[in-house]
Amino acid sequence: MPPEYWQKDAYMQEIINFARAEYEQYNYNNNISKVLSMQRQTVSGYNFKMYFSAQYGQIEIIVYDQPWSDTRQVTSIRQM
């Protein structure tokens, strides 16, 4: 999805901030900074795949979100 969409959308910013906070809990001394790209897949909720620039390359973080059941979790963190 184009950056103009997720950079201005409050819900998308909430997802990005959640992903960043979860990553920082298990930081491997590889600080992440800006979001390079973001994709959304509709399942029984939403899967958000985000690529962040990091001190040592890129990090892919996938967040599953189901707003109507208050479910939000990181399902994958991977260094690229």
C-alpha atoms as a PDB file:
ATOM      1  CA  MET A   1       0.000   0.000   0.000  1.00  0.00           C
ATOM      2  CA  PRO A   2       1.322   3.478  -0.783  1.00  0.00           C
ATOM      3  CA  PRO A   3       3.140   5.315   2.016  1.00  0.00           C
ATOM      4  CA  GLU A   4       0.725   8.246   1.750  1.00  0.00           C
ATOM      5  CA  TYR A   5      -2.012   5.918   2.998  1.00  0.00           C
ATOM      6  CA  TRP A   6      -0.369   4.394   6.055  1.00  0.00           C
ATOM      7  CA  GLN A   7       1.618   7.474   7.016  1.00  0.00           C
ATOM      8  CA  LYS A   8      -1.574   9.491   7.608  1.00  0.00           C
ATOM      9  CA  ASP A   9      -3.951   6.799   8.845  1.00  0.00           C
ATOM     10  CA  ALA A  10      -4.304   6.618  12.660  1.00  0.00           C
ATOM     11  CA  TYR A  11      -5.148   2.881  12.661  1.00  0.00           C
ATOM     12  CA  MET A  12      -2.079   2.045  10.560  1.00  0.00           C
ATOM     13  CA  GLN A  13       0.108   4.175  12.824  1.00  0.00           C
ATOM     14  CA  GLU A  14      -1.245   2.246  15.814  1.00  0.00           C
ATOM     15  CA  ILE A  15      -0.229  -1.044  14.136  1.00  0.00           C
ATOM     16  CA  ILE A  16       3.236   0.328  13.300  1.00  0.00           C
ATOM     17  CA  ASN A  17       3.760   1.562  16.861  1.00  0.00           C
ATOM     18  CA  PHE A  18       2.620  -1.802  18.246  1.00  0.00           C
ATOM     19  CA  ALA A  19       5.080  -3.665  15.984  1.00  0.00           C
ATOM     20  CA  ARG A  20       7.918  -1.345  16.973  1.00  0.00           C
ATOM     21  CA  ALA A  21       7.156  -1.688  20.708  1.00  0.00           C
ATOM     22  CA  GLU A  22       6.940  -5.481  20.513  1.00  0.00           C
ATOM     23  CA  TYR A  23      10.226  -5.649  18.616  1.00  0.00           C
ATOM     24  CA  GLU A  24      11.949  -3.397  21.139  1.00  0.00           C
ATOM     25  CA  GLN A  25      10.962  -5.780  23.961  1.00  0.00           C
ATOM     26  CA  TYR A  26      13.199  -8.422  22.358  1.00  0.00           C
ATOM     27  CA  ASN A  27      15.719  -6.080  20.776  1.00  0.00           C
ATOM     28  CA  TYR A  28      18.809  -7.858  19.546  1.00  0.00           C
ATOM     29  CA  ASN A  29      20.849  -4.613  19.523  1.00  0.00           C
ATOM     30  CA  ASN A  30      19.480  -3.888  16.069  1.00  0.00           C
ATOM     31  CA  ASN A  31      17.513  -0.663  16.403  1.00  0.00           C
ATOM     32  CA  ILE A  32      14.738  -0.172  13.870  1.00  0.00           C
ATOM     33  CA  SER A  33      13.841   3.201  12.464  1.00  0.00           C
ATOM     34  CA  LYS A  34      11.438   4.020   9.654  1.00  0.00           C
ATOM     35  CA  VAL A  35       8.918   1.832   7.861  1.00  0.00           C
ATOM     36  CA  LEU A  36      10.037   1.085   4.304  1.00  0.00           C
ATOM     37  CA  SER A  37       6.840  -0.627   3.153  1.00  0.00           C
ATOM     38  CA  MET A  38       3.617  -2.057   4.501  1.00  0.00           C
ATOM     39  CA  GLN A  39       1.111  -4.576   3.156  1.00  0.00           C
ATOM     40  CA  ARG A  40      -2.289  -5.618   4.471  1.00  0.00           C
ATOM     41  CA  GLN A  41      -3.942  -8.996   3.903  1.00  0.00           C
ATOM     42  CA  THR A  42      -7.542  -9.621   4.923  1.00  0.00           C
ATOM     43  CA  VAL A  43      -8.023 -12.946   6.693  1.00  0.00           C
ATOM     44  CA  SER A  44     -10.267 -13.473   9.733  1.00  0.00           C
ATOM     45  CA  GLY A  45      -8.903 -10.073  10.678  1.00  0.00           C
ATOM     46  CA  TYR A  46      -5.864  -8.446   9.100  1.00  0.00           C
ATOM     47  CA  ASN A  47      -2.247  -9.459   8.615  1.00  0.00           C
ATOM     48  CA  PHE A  48       0.058  -6.468   8.328  1.00  0.00           C
ATOM     49  CA  LYS A  49       3.500  -7.121   6.880  1.00  0.00           C
ATOM     50  CA  MET A  50       5.939  -4.285   7.519  1.00  0.00           C
ATOM     51  CA  TYR A  51       9.537  -3.788   6.525  1.00  0.00           C
ATOM     52  CA  PHE A  52      11.601  -1.512   8.761  1.00  0.00           C
ATOM     53  CA  SER A  53      15.066  -0.164   8.121  1.00  0.00           C
ATOM     54  CA  ALA A  54      17.395  -1.261  10.893  1.00  0.00           C
ATOM     55  CA  GLN A  55      20.917  -0.712  12.085  1.00  0.00           C
ATOM     56  CA  TYR A  56      21.985  -4.051  10.546  1.00  0.00           C
ATOM     57  CA  GLY A  57      19.792  -4.377   7.444  1.00  0.00           C
ATOM     58  CA  GLN A  58      16.015  -4.710   7.321  1.00  0.00           C
ATOM     59  CA  ILE A  59      13.484  -6.280   9.659  1.00  0.00           C
ATOM     60  CA  GLU A  60      10.197  -7.840   8.549  1.00  0.00           C
ATOM     61  CA  ILE A  61       7.457  -7.814  11.193  1.00  0.00           C
ATOM     62  CA  ILE A  62       4.016  -9.363  10.698  1.00  0.00           C
ATOM     63  CA  VAL A  63       1.186  -8.311  12.991  1.00  0.00           C
ATOM     64  CA  TYR A  64      -2.195 -10.053  13.142  1.00  0.00           C
ATOM     65  CA  ASP A  65      -5.044  -7.769  14.198  1.00  0.00           C
ATOM     66  CA  GLN A  66      -8.719  -8.580  14.773  1.00  0.00           C
ATOM     67  CA  PRO A  67     -10.293  -5.378  16.121  1.00  0.00           C
ATOM     68  CA  TRP A  68     -13.715  -6.820  16.951  1.00  0.00           C
ATOM     69  CA  SER A  69     -12.190  -9.375  19.359  1.00  0.00           C
ATOM     70  CA  ASP A  70      -9.420  -7.124  20.744  1.00  0.00           C
ATOM     71  CA  THR A  71      -6.781  -9.502  19.370  1.00  0.00           C
ATOM     72  CA  ARG A  72      -3.438  -8.084  18.274  1.00  0.00           C
ATOM     73  CA  GLN A  73      -0.167 -10.003  18.178  1.00  0.00           C
ATOM     74  CA  VAL A  74       3.142 -10.187  16.372  1.00  0.00           C
ATOM     75  CA  THR A  75       3.218 -13.452  14.453  1.00  0.00           C
ATOM     76  CA  SER A  76       6.665 -13.111  12.871  1.00  0.00           C
ATOM     77  CA  ILE A  77       9.873 -11.122  13.218  1.00  0.00           C
ATOM     78  CA  ARG A  78      12.587 -11.799  10.692  1.00  0.00           C
ATOM     79  CA  GLN A  79      15.872 -10.131   9.783  1.00  0.00           C
ATOM     80  CA  MET A  80      16.274  -9.759   6.051  1.00  0.00           C
END
